[in-house]
Structure formats: structure tokens, C-alpha cells
């Protein structure tokens, strides 16, 4: 089953092996994977989500920002200005952020990543196309086939944003209700024959 959506901004997280580099005295870089493809993330017990390798194919030319903890006032880089580079490979969505050495927030974050105190990331997006699979074991899996990427963030605590997961959960309950009603109609139809 495939479905088109796109109104609710979603936040998803990943533990990443973020790296720091100092290429010269004033170029400081944070890089790593902001999303890993085909890796199931458990939203809640029995509900899973994966990002398809094609999810970001049409969105990397968008005006995307790199943020600290999804805070829009703490911009680390931007692809439009050349300070954020994003690309996909067989593993996932990889990014490189060229930090402003005169930005205290950016340099404080750089040092935290360098020490290993901060090593996780998230990304913000809208779902454009997804498919839903109800599995034999009673679990459900959503595959995000196409996304509209807005931002990537280096974060202290990666977690699924409550509103996004709550919206996903409400969607799941609605789907379950429709499936139950469909089964009732099918049974009723068989009994009336």
C-alpha cells in the first residue's frame, strides 16, 4: 500500500559516528551520517519505520540547513551557501558541515563532538510518499520512499519528536480501525450468502 503525504514535519534520529576535522587553522568540519537506509527504527512496540535508499533523491538541492538540536537560531551551515554538503551513498545520507570559526556556539559544539560528548544526529523532513506493510506477526512497518528534507541537526539526545510519533500512532490506529471495519463487512457479506 502506497500513500502520499506531506503536511506534518517529521523528525527522525540516528546514532552516528560523527567525526571532526581541522583542515587548516580556520576550517573546522563535522561530518557523518544523518540517516541510515534500510535500518528499522522502532517507533513504539510493534511499529517500525525505515528510510528507503531513494528517499532523498529529489530533495538534496533544496535549501537545507544544519542546526544544533533543531534550533533554527543555531545554524551551523547551509547547502545554499556551500557550508553544508549532503550526499547519499549505499549506506545513507552523509553530510559535511564547514563551521564558522568565529561562531562560539559552533566551536563549542565542535569541541563536544571531538571529545565524544555529542555524537548523534537527526533530520527534519516531510513525508512525500510512503508504503505500509502489515506483517504476519502483527507488527507494522512504514517505508519512507520519498521525503522533502528541510534540515539536519547535530543533537545531544536524539529522539523521535513526540508530535511526529503521536501523529504516526494516530494514523496507525485509524488504519487498524478501517481494517477492522473491512473485516466486519467481509464476514457479514459471507454470512448473508
N, C-alpha and C. Protein backbone atom coordinates (compact mmCIF):
# COMPACT_ATOMS: atom_id res chain seq x y z
N UNK A 1 0.85 -1.17 0.00
CA UNK A 1 0.00 0.00 0.00
C UNK A 1 0.90 1.23 0.00
N UNK A 2 0.67 2.14 -0.91
CA UNK A 2 1.47 3.36 -1.01
C UNK A 2 0.57 4.55 -0.74
N UNK A 3 1.12 5.56 -0.11
CA UNK A 3 0.31 6.71 0.27
C UNK A 3 1.12 7.99 0.10
N UNK A 4 0.48 9.03 -0.35
CA UNK A 4 1.13 10.35 -0.48
C UNK A 4 0.75 11.19 0.73
N UNK A 5 1.76 11.81 1.35
CA UNK A 5 1.53 12.71 2.47
C UNK A 5 2.48 13.88 2.33
N UNK A 6 2.38 14.84 3.22
CA UNK A 6 3.36 15.90 3.13
C UNK A 6 3.12 17.09 4.02
N UNK A 7 2.18 17.04 4.95
CA UNK A 7 1.86 18.23 5.70
C UNK A 7 2.60 18.34 7.04
N UNK A 8 2.82 17.25 7.73
CA UNK A 8 3.42 17.28 9.06
C UNK A 8 4.93 17.13 8.98
N UNK A 9 5.66 18.09 9.55
CA UNK A 9 7.11 17.98 9.60
C UNK A 9 7.48 16.90 10.59
N UNK A 10 8.30 15.97 10.15
CA UNK A 10 8.73 14.84 10.96
C UNK A 10 10.19 15.04 11.37
N UNK A 11 10.54 14.48 12.52
CA UNK A 11 11.93 14.47 12.99
C UNK A 11 12.30 13.02 13.22
N UNK A 12 13.42 12.59 12.67
CA UNK A 12 13.92 11.24 12.90
C UNK A 12 15.37 11.34 13.34
N UNK A 13 15.80 10.37 14.12
CA UNK A 13 17.13 10.43 14.72
C UNK A 13 17.96 9.20 14.39
N UNK A 14 19.25 9.34 14.55
CA UNK A 14 20.17 8.23 14.35
C UNK A 14 21.40 8.44 15.21
N UNK A 15 21.92 7.34 15.72
CA UNK A 15 23.22 7.40 16.36
C UNK A 15 24.22 7.35 15.22
N UNK A 16 25.17 8.23 15.24
CA UNK A 16 26.11 8.34 14.13
C UNK A 16 27.53 8.35 14.67
N UNK A 17 28.43 8.05 13.80
CA UNK A 17 29.84 8.14 14.16
C UNK A 17 30.35 9.47 13.62
N UNK A 18 29.89 10.57 14.26
CA UNK A 18 30.30 11.89 13.81
C UNK A 18 31.80 12.08 14.01
N UNK A 19 32.41 12.71 13.05
CA UNK A 19 33.84 12.96 13.08
C UNK A 19 34.10 14.46 13.02
N UNK A 20 35.23 14.88 13.57
CA UNK A 20 35.66 16.27 13.44
C UNK A 20 37.00 16.30 12.71
N UNK A 21 37.20 17.36 11.97
CA UNK A 21 38.48 17.57 11.28
C UNK A 21 38.79 19.05 11.31
N UNK A 22 40.05 19.35 11.43
CA UNK A 22 40.54 20.72 11.33
C UNK A 22 41.49 20.74 10.15
N UNK A 23 40.97 21.16 8.98
CA UNK A 23 41.76 21.08 7.75
C UNK A 23 42.84 22.15 7.65
N UNK A 24 42.62 23.25 8.29
CA UNK A 24 43.66 24.28 8.45
C UNK A 24 43.28 25.08 9.68
N UNK A 25 43.97 26.12 9.96
CA UNK A 25 43.75 26.84 11.21
C UNK A 25 42.35 27.40 11.39
N UNK A 26 41.64 27.64 10.29
CA UNK A 26 40.32 28.24 10.46
C UNK A 26 39.20 27.46 9.78
N UNK A 27 39.45 26.22 9.34
CA UNK A 27 38.37 25.40 8.76
C UNK A 27 38.13 24.18 9.63
N UNK A 28 37.02 24.22 10.35
CA UNK A 28 36.64 23.15 11.26
C UNK A 28 35.43 22.43 10.66
N UNK A 29 35.48 21.10 10.66
CA UNK A 29 34.45 20.30 9.98
C UNK A 29 33.87 19.26 10.93
N UNK A 30 32.55 19.10 10.86
CA UNK A 30 31.85 17.98 11.49
C UNK A 30 31.20 17.22 10.35
N UNK A 31 31.38 15.89 10.33
CA UNK A 31 30.79 15.10 9.26
C UNK A 31 30.35 13.73 9.78
N UNK A 32 29.40 13.15 9.07
CA UNK A 32 28.90 11.83 9.42
C UNK A 32 27.57 11.56 8.75
N UNK A 33 26.95 10.44 9.11
CA UNK A 33 25.67 10.05 8.53
C UNK A 33 24.52 10.58 9.37
N UNK A 34 23.61 11.29 8.71
CA UNK A 34 22.42 11.83 9.38
C UNK A 34 21.25 10.87 9.29
N UNK A 35 21.31 9.92 8.37
CA UNK A 35 20.28 8.90 8.21
C UNK A 35 20.93 7.66 7.61
N UNK A 36 20.50 6.50 8.07
CA UNK A 36 20.98 5.24 7.53
C UNK A 36 19.81 4.54 6.84
N UNK A 37 20.03 4.08 5.62
CA UNK A 37 18.98 3.45 4.85
C UNK A 37 18.71 2.02 5.31
N UNK A 38 17.47 1.60 5.11
CA UNK A 38 17.02 0.22 5.35
C UNK A 38 17.28 -0.29 6.77
N UNK A 39 17.38 0.59 7.72
CA UNK A 39 17.58 0.21 9.12
C UNK A 39 16.27 0.47 9.86
N UNK A 40 15.67 -0.59 10.40
CA UNK A 40 14.39 -0.43 11.09
C UNK A 40 14.56 0.34 12.40
N UNK A 41 13.74 1.35 12.56
CA UNK A 41 13.68 2.09 13.82
C UNK A 41 12.33 1.77 14.45
N UNK A 42 12.34 1.41 15.71
CA UNK A 42 11.09 1.09 16.39
C UNK A 42 10.49 2.37 16.96
N UNK A 43 9.31 2.75 16.44
CA UNK A 43 8.62 3.95 16.90
C UNK A 43 7.96 3.69 18.25
N UNK A 44 7.31 2.56 18.38
CA UNK A 44 6.76 2.04 19.62
C UNK A 44 6.67 0.54 19.42
N UNK A 45 6.33 -0.18 20.45
CA UNK A 45 6.33 -1.63 20.37
C UNK A 45 5.44 -2.12 19.21
N UNK A 46 6.05 -2.83 18.28
CA UNK A 46 5.34 -3.40 17.15
C UNK A 46 5.18 -2.49 15.96
N UNK A 47 5.73 -1.26 16.02
CA UNK A 47 5.63 -0.32 14.91
C UNK A 47 7.03 0.14 14.51
N UNK A 48 7.35 -0.08 13.25
CA UNK A 48 8.70 0.18 12.75
C UNK A 48 8.66 1.09 11.53
N UNK A 49 9.79 1.73 11.29
CA UNK A 49 9.91 2.62 10.15
C UNK A 49 11.30 2.47 9.57
N UNK A 50 11.39 2.53 8.25
CA UNK A 50 12.69 2.51 7.57
C UNK A 50 12.72 3.62 6.52
N UNK A 51 13.91 4.06 6.22
CA UNK A 51 14.12 5.05 5.17
C UNK A 51 14.67 4.31 3.95
N UNK A 52 13.98 4.42 2.83
CA UNK A 52 14.42 3.77 1.60
C UNK A 52 15.61 4.52 1.00
N UNK A 53 16.49 3.82 0.28
CA UNK A 53 17.63 4.47 -0.34
C UNK A 53 17.25 5.59 -1.32
N UNK A 54 16.05 5.56 -1.84
CA UNK A 54 15.60 6.58 -2.79
C UNK A 54 14.96 7.79 -2.12
N UNK A 55 14.83 7.78 -0.81
CA UNK A 55 14.04 8.79 -0.09
C UNK A 55 14.49 10.23 -0.34
N UNK A 56 15.78 10.46 -0.48
CA UNK A 56 16.29 11.83 -0.59
C UNK A 56 16.72 12.21 -2.01
N UNK A 57 16.43 11.35 -2.98
CA UNK A 57 16.90 11.59 -4.35
C UNK A 57 16.50 12.94 -4.91
N UNK A 58 15.28 13.40 -4.63
CA UNK A 58 14.76 14.63 -5.24
C UNK A 58 14.83 15.85 -4.32
N UNK A 59 15.51 15.75 -3.21
CA UNK A 59 15.43 16.83 -2.22
C UNK A 59 16.77 17.47 -1.85
N UNK A 60 17.87 16.88 -2.26
CA UNK A 60 19.17 17.39 -1.81
C UNK A 60 19.53 18.75 -2.39
N UNK A 61 18.82 19.19 -3.41
CA UNK A 61 19.07 20.53 -3.95
C UNK A 61 18.20 21.59 -3.25
N UNK A 62 17.36 21.16 -2.31
CA UNK A 62 16.56 22.11 -1.51
C UNK A 62 17.48 23.02 -0.70
N UNK A 63 16.93 24.08 -0.15
CA UNK A 63 17.67 24.97 0.74
C UNK A 63 17.65 24.35 2.14
N UNK A 64 18.67 23.56 2.45
CA UNK A 64 18.72 22.76 3.68
C UNK A 64 19.74 23.38 4.64
N UNK A 65 19.39 23.41 5.92
CA UNK A 65 20.29 23.94 6.94
C UNK A 65 20.78 22.82 7.85
N UNK A 66 21.95 23.03 8.43
CA UNK A 66 22.47 22.19 9.52
C UNK A 66 22.30 23.00 10.79
N UNK A 67 21.67 22.39 11.79
CA UNK A 67 21.35 23.08 13.04
C UNK A 67 21.94 22.37 14.24
N UNK A 68 21.88 23.04 15.38
CA UNK A 68 22.21 22.43 16.67
C UNK A 68 20.88 22.14 17.35
N UNK A 69 20.63 20.88 17.66
CA UNK A 69 19.42 20.45 18.37
C UNK A 69 18.11 20.98 17.76
N UNK A 70 18.06 21.05 16.44
CA UNK A 70 16.86 21.51 15.71
C UNK A 70 16.48 22.96 16.03
N UNK A 71 17.39 23.70 16.62
CA UNK A 71 17.13 25.10 16.97
C UNK A 71 17.42 25.97 15.74
N UNK A 72 16.38 26.59 15.19
CA UNK A 72 16.53 27.38 13.97
C UNK A 72 17.37 28.65 14.16
N UNK A 73 17.66 29.00 15.39
CA UNK A 73 18.52 30.16 15.64
C UNK A 73 19.99 29.76 15.72
N UNK A 74 20.27 28.46 15.73
CA UNK A 74 21.65 27.98 15.83
C UNK A 74 22.04 27.25 14.55
N UNK A 75 22.26 28.02 13.49
CA UNK A 75 22.59 27.48 12.19
C UNK A 75 24.10 27.23 12.09
N UNK A 76 24.45 25.99 11.77
CA UNK A 76 25.86 25.62 11.61
C UNK A 76 26.32 25.76 10.17
N UNK A 77 25.42 25.50 9.23
CA UNK A 77 25.76 25.54 7.82
C UNK A 77 24.51 25.49 6.97
N UNK A 78 24.71 25.71 5.68
CA UNK A 78 23.57 25.74 4.75
C UNK A 78 24.09 25.32 3.37
N UNK A 79 23.37 24.41 2.73
CA UNK A 79 23.87 23.94 1.43
C UNK A 79 23.87 25.06 0.39
N UNK A 80 22.93 25.99 0.48
CA UNK A 80 22.86 27.11 -0.48
C UNK A 80 24.11 27.98 -0.42
N UNK A 81 24.71 28.09 0.75
CA UNK A 81 25.91 28.93 0.90
C UNK A 81 27.20 28.11 0.75
N UNK A 82 27.07 26.80 0.59
CA UNK A 82 28.25 25.96 0.42
C UNK A 82 28.89 25.51 1.72
N UNK A 83 28.28 25.82 2.86
CA UNK A 83 28.85 25.40 4.15
C UNK A 83 28.29 24.08 4.64
N UNK A 84 27.33 23.52 3.91
CA UNK A 84 26.77 22.19 4.20
C UNK A 84 26.78 21.39 2.91
N UNK A 85 27.41 20.24 2.96
CA UNK A 85 27.43 19.33 1.81
C UNK A 85 26.67 18.07 2.21
N UNK A 86 25.70 17.67 1.40
CA UNK A 86 24.93 16.46 1.64
C UNK A 86 24.97 15.57 0.40
N UNK A 87 25.08 14.27 0.62
CA UNK A 87 25.01 13.32 -0.48
C UNK A 87 24.56 11.97 0.08
N UNK A 88 24.05 11.14 -0.82
CA UNK A 88 23.66 9.80 -0.42
C UNK A 88 24.61 8.79 -1.05
N UNK A 89 24.78 7.69 -0.34
CA UNK A 89 25.52 6.55 -0.87
C UNK A 89 24.77 5.30 -0.46
N UNK A 90 25.36 4.14 -0.62
CA UNK A 90 24.64 2.90 -0.32
C UNK A 90 24.29 2.77 1.17
N UNK A 91 24.98 3.47 2.03
CA UNK A 91 24.72 3.39 3.47
C UNK A 91 23.62 4.34 3.94
N UNK A 92 23.65 5.60 3.43
CA UNK A 92 22.66 6.56 3.92
C UNK A 92 22.92 7.98 3.45
N UNK A 93 22.38 8.92 4.22
CA UNK A 93 22.54 10.35 3.95
C UNK A 93 23.73 10.84 4.74
N UNK A 94 24.78 11.23 4.02
CA UNK A 94 26.02 11.69 4.63
C UNK A 94 26.10 13.21 4.50
N UNK A 95 26.65 13.85 5.53
CA UNK A 95 26.79 15.30 5.48
C UNK A 95 28.12 15.78 6.03
N UNK A 96 28.56 16.91 5.51
CA UNK A 96 29.78 17.57 5.99
C UNK A 96 29.42 19.03 6.23
N UNK A 97 29.68 19.51 7.44
CA UNK A 97 29.39 20.89 7.83
C UNK A 97 30.72 21.62 8.03
N UNK A 98 30.90 22.71 7.28
CA UNK A 98 32.07 23.58 7.46
C UNK A 98 31.67 24.67 8.44
N UNK A 99 32.26 24.62 9.63
CA UNK A 99 31.87 25.54 10.70
C UNK A 99 32.55 26.90 10.58
N UNK A 100 31.87 27.88 11.11
CA UNK A 100 32.41 29.23 11.19
C UNK A 100 33.26 29.31 12.47
N UNK A 101 34.56 29.48 12.31
CA UNK A 101 35.48 29.51 13.45
C UNK A 101 35.22 30.68 14.39
N UNK A 102 34.48 31.70 13.92
CA UNK A 102 34.17 32.85 14.75
C UNK A 102 32.83 32.71 15.47
N UNK A 103 32.14 31.58 15.23
CA UNK A 103 30.84 31.32 15.86
C UNK A 103 31.08 30.49 17.13
N UNK A 104 30.86 31.10 18.28
CA UNK A 104 31.12 30.44 19.56
C UNK A 104 30.29 29.17 19.74
N UNK A 105 29.00 29.23 19.38
CA UNK A 105 28.15 28.05 19.51
C UNK A 105 28.67 26.90 18.65
N UNK A 106 29.07 27.21 17.42
CA UNK A 106 29.58 26.18 16.52
C UNK A 106 30.88 25.58 17.06
N UNK A 107 31.76 26.40 17.55
CA UNK A 107 33.04 25.90 18.06
C UNK A 107 32.88 25.12 19.36
N UNK A 108 31.93 25.54 20.20
CA UNK A 108 31.64 24.76 21.41
C UNK A 108 31.12 23.37 21.03
N UNK A 109 30.24 23.33 20.03
CA UNK A 109 29.72 22.04 19.56
C UNK A 109 30.85 21.20 18.96
N UNK A 110 31.69 21.81 18.15
CA UNK A 110 32.83 21.11 17.56
C UNK A 110 33.66 20.41 18.64
N UNK A 111 33.96 21.12 19.72
CA UNK A 111 34.76 20.54 20.80
C UNK A 111 34.01 19.40 21.50
N UNK A 112 32.69 19.52 21.64
CA UNK A 112 31.89 18.45 22.26
C UNK A 112 31.87 17.20 21.39
N UNK A 113 31.76 17.40 20.09
CA UNK A 113 31.79 16.26 19.16
C UNK A 113 33.19 15.64 19.17
N UNK A 114 34.20 16.47 19.15
CA UNK A 114 35.60 16.00 19.15
C UNK A 114 35.89 15.14 20.38
N UNK A 115 35.37 15.54 21.55
CA UNK A 115 35.56 14.77 22.79
C UNK A 115 34.69 13.53 22.87
N UNK A 116 33.66 13.47 22.02
CA UNK A 116 32.75 12.33 22.07
C UNK A 116 31.55 12.56 22.97
N UNK A 117 31.39 13.76 23.50
CA UNK A 117 30.25 14.07 24.36
C UNK A 117 28.95 14.16 23.56
N UNK A 118 29.05 14.60 22.32
CA UNK A 118 27.91 14.67 21.41
C UNK A 118 28.28 13.87 20.18
N UNK A 119 27.46 12.86 19.85
CA UNK A 119 27.79 12.02 18.69
C UNK A 119 26.55 11.54 17.94
N UNK A 120 25.47 12.30 18.06
CA UNK A 120 24.23 11.84 17.45
C UNK A 120 23.60 12.94 16.60
N UNK A 121 22.69 12.53 15.75
CA UNK A 121 22.11 13.48 14.81
C UNK A 121 20.67 13.14 14.49
N UNK A 122 19.99 14.09 13.89
CA UNK A 122 18.60 13.95 13.48
C UNK A 122 18.40 14.70 12.17
N UNK A 123 17.25 14.49 11.57
CA UNK A 123 16.91 15.26 10.37
C UNK A 123 15.42 15.55 10.38
N UNK A 124 15.06 16.71 9.83
CA UNK A 124 13.67 17.14 9.76
C UNK A 124 13.20 17.12 8.31
N UNK A 125 11.99 16.58 8.10
CA UNK A 125 11.50 16.38 6.73
C UNK A 125 9.99 16.24 6.71
N UNK A 126 9.43 16.27 5.52
CA UNK A 126 8.04 15.92 5.30
C UNK A 126 8.02 14.61 4.52
N UNK A 127 7.05 13.78 4.81
CA UNK A 127 6.87 12.54 4.06
C UNK A 127 6.09 12.86 2.79
N UNK A 128 6.66 12.53 1.65
CA UNK A 128 6.00 12.74 0.36
C UNK A 128 5.34 11.44 -0.09
N UNK A 129 6.04 10.32 0.06
CA UNK A 129 5.49 9.02 -0.33
C UNK A 129 6.01 7.96 0.63
N UNK A 130 5.10 7.09 1.06
CA UNK A 130 5.48 6.00 1.95
C UNK A 130 4.62 4.78 1.64
N UNK A 131 5.10 3.63 2.06
CA UNK A 131 4.31 2.41 1.93
C UNK A 131 4.17 1.79 3.31
N UNK A 132 3.07 1.07 3.50
CA UNK A 132 2.76 0.46 4.79
C UNK A 132 2.65 -1.04 4.61
N UNK A 133 3.30 -1.77 5.50
CA UNK A 133 3.25 -3.23 5.46
C UNK A 133 2.75 -3.75 6.81
N UNK A 134 1.61 -4.43 6.79
CA UNK A 134 1.12 -5.12 7.97
C UNK A 134 1.67 -6.53 7.91
N UNK A 135 2.50 -6.90 8.89
CA UNK A 135 3.21 -8.18 8.83
C UNK A 135 2.44 -9.28 9.55
N UNK A 136 2.81 -10.49 9.21
CA UNK A 136 2.16 -11.69 9.77
C UNK A 136 2.20 -11.73 11.30
N UNK A 137 3.28 -11.20 11.88
CA UNK A 137 3.44 -11.25 13.34
C UNK A 137 2.66 -10.16 14.07
N UNK A 138 1.86 -9.38 13.32
CA UNK A 138 1.04 -8.33 13.94
C UNK A 138 1.71 -6.98 14.00
N UNK A 139 2.96 -6.89 13.57
CA UNK A 139 3.65 -5.60 13.57
C UNK A 139 3.36 -4.86 12.27
N UNK A 140 3.68 -3.59 12.27
CA UNK A 140 3.52 -2.76 11.08
C UNK A 140 4.86 -2.10 10.77
N UNK A 141 5.13 -1.95 9.46
CA UNK A 141 6.37 -1.29 9.05
C UNK A 141 6.02 -0.28 7.97
N UNK A 142 6.46 0.97 8.19
CA UNK A 142 6.34 2.02 7.19
C UNK A 142 7.69 2.17 6.52
N UNK A 143 7.67 2.30 5.22
CA UNK A 143 8.89 2.60 4.47
C UNK A 143 8.71 3.98 3.84
N UNK A 144 9.59 4.89 4.19
CA UNK A 144 9.55 6.23 3.62
C UNK A 144 10.30 6.17 2.29
N UNK A 145 9.54 6.27 1.21
CA UNK A 145 10.10 6.16 -0.14
C UNK A 145 10.60 7.49 -0.68
N UNK A 146 9.93 8.57 -0.28
CA UNK A 146 10.30 9.89 -0.77
C UNK A 146 10.04 10.91 0.33
N UNK A 147 11.03 11.75 0.58
CA UNK A 147 10.94 12.74 1.64
C UNK A 147 11.37 14.11 1.12
N UNK A 148 10.85 15.15 1.76
CA UNK A 148 11.25 16.52 1.47
C UNK A 148 12.09 16.98 2.66
N UNK A 149 13.40 16.96 2.52
CA UNK A 149 14.34 17.26 3.60
C UNK A 149 14.44 18.76 3.84
N UNK A 150 14.33 19.17 5.12
CA UNK A 150 14.42 20.59 5.49
C UNK A 150 15.72 20.91 6.22
N UNK A 151 16.11 20.01 7.13
CA UNK A 151 17.28 20.30 7.96
C UNK A 151 17.89 19.03 8.51
N UNK A 152 19.17 19.13 8.86
CA UNK A 152 19.88 18.09 9.60
C UNK A 152 20.41 18.75 10.86
N UNK A 153 20.47 17.98 11.94
CA UNK A 153 20.91 18.55 13.22
C UNK A 153 21.90 17.64 13.92
N UNK A 154 22.88 18.25 14.54
CA UNK A 154 23.73 17.56 15.49
C UNK A 154 23.03 17.73 16.83
N UNK A 155 22.75 16.61 17.52
CA UNK A 155 21.90 16.68 18.71
C UNK A 155 22.53 16.00 19.92
N UNK A 156 22.14 16.51 21.09
CA UNK A 156 22.59 15.92 22.34
C UNK A 156 21.86 14.63 22.64
N UNK A 157 20.53 14.65 22.50
CA UNK A 157 19.69 13.48 22.74
C UNK A 157 18.80 13.24 21.52
N UNK A 158 19.18 12.29 20.64
CA UNK A 158 18.30 12.04 19.51
C UNK A 158 17.07 11.28 19.97
N UNK A 159 15.94 11.73 19.55
CA UNK A 159 14.69 11.06 19.90
C UNK A 159 13.66 11.42 18.86
N UNK A 160 12.73 10.53 18.66
CA UNK A 160 11.64 10.84 17.76
C UNK A 160 10.82 11.94 18.41
N UNK A 161 10.54 12.97 17.66
CA UNK A 161 9.76 14.09 18.17
C UNK A 161 8.37 13.60 18.53
N UNK A 162 7.91 13.93 19.72
CA UNK A 162 6.63 13.43 20.20
C UNK A 162 5.49 13.68 19.24
N UNK A 163 5.40 14.87 18.69
CA UNK A 163 4.27 15.16 17.81
C UNK A 163 4.29 14.27 16.58
N UNK A 164 5.46 14.03 16.01
CA UNK A 164 5.57 13.19 14.84
C UNK A 164 5.17 11.76 15.13
N UNK A 165 5.64 11.22 16.23
CA UNK A 165 5.30 9.85 16.59
C UNK A 165 3.83 9.75 16.98
N UNK A 166 3.31 10.76 17.69
CA UNK A 166 1.89 10.73 18.06
C UNK A 166 1.02 10.77 16.81
N UNK A 167 1.41 11.57 15.83
CA UNK A 167 0.66 11.63 14.57
C UNK A 167 0.74 10.29 13.86
N UNK A 168 1.90 9.68 13.86
CA UNK A 168 2.08 8.36 13.24
C UNK A 168 1.21 7.33 13.97
N UNK A 169 1.18 7.40 15.30
CA UNK A 169 0.38 6.47 16.09
C UNK A 169 -1.10 6.65 15.81
N UNK A 170 -1.56 7.89 15.71
CA UNK A 170 -2.97 8.16 15.39
C UNK A 170 -3.30 7.62 14.01
N UNK A 171 -2.38 7.79 13.06
CA UNK A 171 -2.58 7.25 11.71
C UNK A 171 -2.71 5.73 11.77
N UNK A 172 -1.86 5.09 12.55
CA UNK A 172 -1.88 3.64 12.69
C UNK A 172 -3.22 3.17 13.28
N UNK A 173 -3.68 3.84 14.33
CA UNK A 173 -4.95 3.46 14.95
C UNK A 173 -6.10 3.62 13.96
N UNK A 174 -6.07 4.67 13.16
CA UNK A 174 -7.10 4.89 12.15
C UNK A 174 -7.07 3.77 11.10
N UNK A 175 -5.87 3.37 10.70
CA UNK A 175 -5.74 2.28 9.73
C UNK A 175 -6.26 0.97 10.31
N UNK A 176 -5.94 0.72 11.57
CA UNK A 176 -6.41 -0.50 12.22
C UNK A 176 -7.94 -0.50 12.30
N UNK A 177 -8.53 0.64 12.60
CA UNK A 177 -9.99 0.76 12.67
C UNK A 177 -10.61 0.46 11.31
N UNK A 178 -10.03 1.01 10.26
CA UNK A 178 -10.55 0.75 8.90
C UNK A 178 -10.41 -0.72 8.53
N UNK A 179 -9.28 -1.33 8.90
CA UNK A 179 -9.08 -2.76 8.61
C UNK A 179 -10.11 -3.60 9.35
N UNK A 180 -10.40 -3.26 10.60
CA UNK A 180 -11.39 -3.99 11.39
C UNK A 180 -12.77 -3.86 10.76
N UNK A 181 -13.13 -2.64 10.36
CA UNK A 181 -14.43 -2.43 9.71
C UNK A 181 -14.53 -3.22 8.40
N UNK A 182 -13.45 -3.26 7.65
CA UNK A 182 -13.44 -4.02 6.39
C UNK A 182 -13.64 -5.51 6.68
N UNK A 183 -12.98 -6.03 7.70
CA UNK A 183 -13.15 -7.44 8.07
C UNK A 183 -14.59 -7.73 8.48
N UNK A 184 -15.18 -6.81 9.25
CA UNK A 184 -16.57 -6.99 9.67
C UNK A 184 -17.49 -7.06 8.46
N UNK A 185 -17.27 -6.18 7.48
CA UNK A 185 -18.09 -6.18 6.27
C UNK A 185 -17.91 -7.48 5.48
N UNK A 186 -16.68 -7.96 5.42
CA UNK A 186 -16.42 -9.22 4.71
C UNK A 186 -17.13 -10.39 5.37
N UNK A 187 -17.05 -10.47 6.70
CA UNK A 187 -17.71 -11.55 7.45
C UNK A 187 -19.22 -11.44 7.29
N UNK A 188 -19.73 -10.24 7.40
CA UNK A 188 -21.17 -10.01 7.25
C UNK A 188 -21.63 -10.42 5.84
N UNK A 189 -20.85 -10.12 4.85
CA UNK A 189 -21.16 -10.49 3.47
C UNK A 189 -21.18 -12.00 3.29
N UNK A 190 -20.24 -12.71 3.93
CA UNK A 190 -20.21 -14.17 3.85
C UNK A 190 -21.39 -14.79 4.56
N UNK A 191 -21.78 -14.20 5.69
CA UNK A 191 -22.91 -14.73 6.44
C UNK A 191 -24.23 -14.51 5.72
N UNK A 192 -24.34 -13.46 4.96
CA UNK A 192 -25.58 -13.15 4.24
C UNK A 192 -25.74 -13.96 2.95
N UNK A 193 -24.76 -14.74 2.58
CA UNK A 193 -24.86 -15.55 1.34
C UNK A 193 -25.63 -16.81 1.55
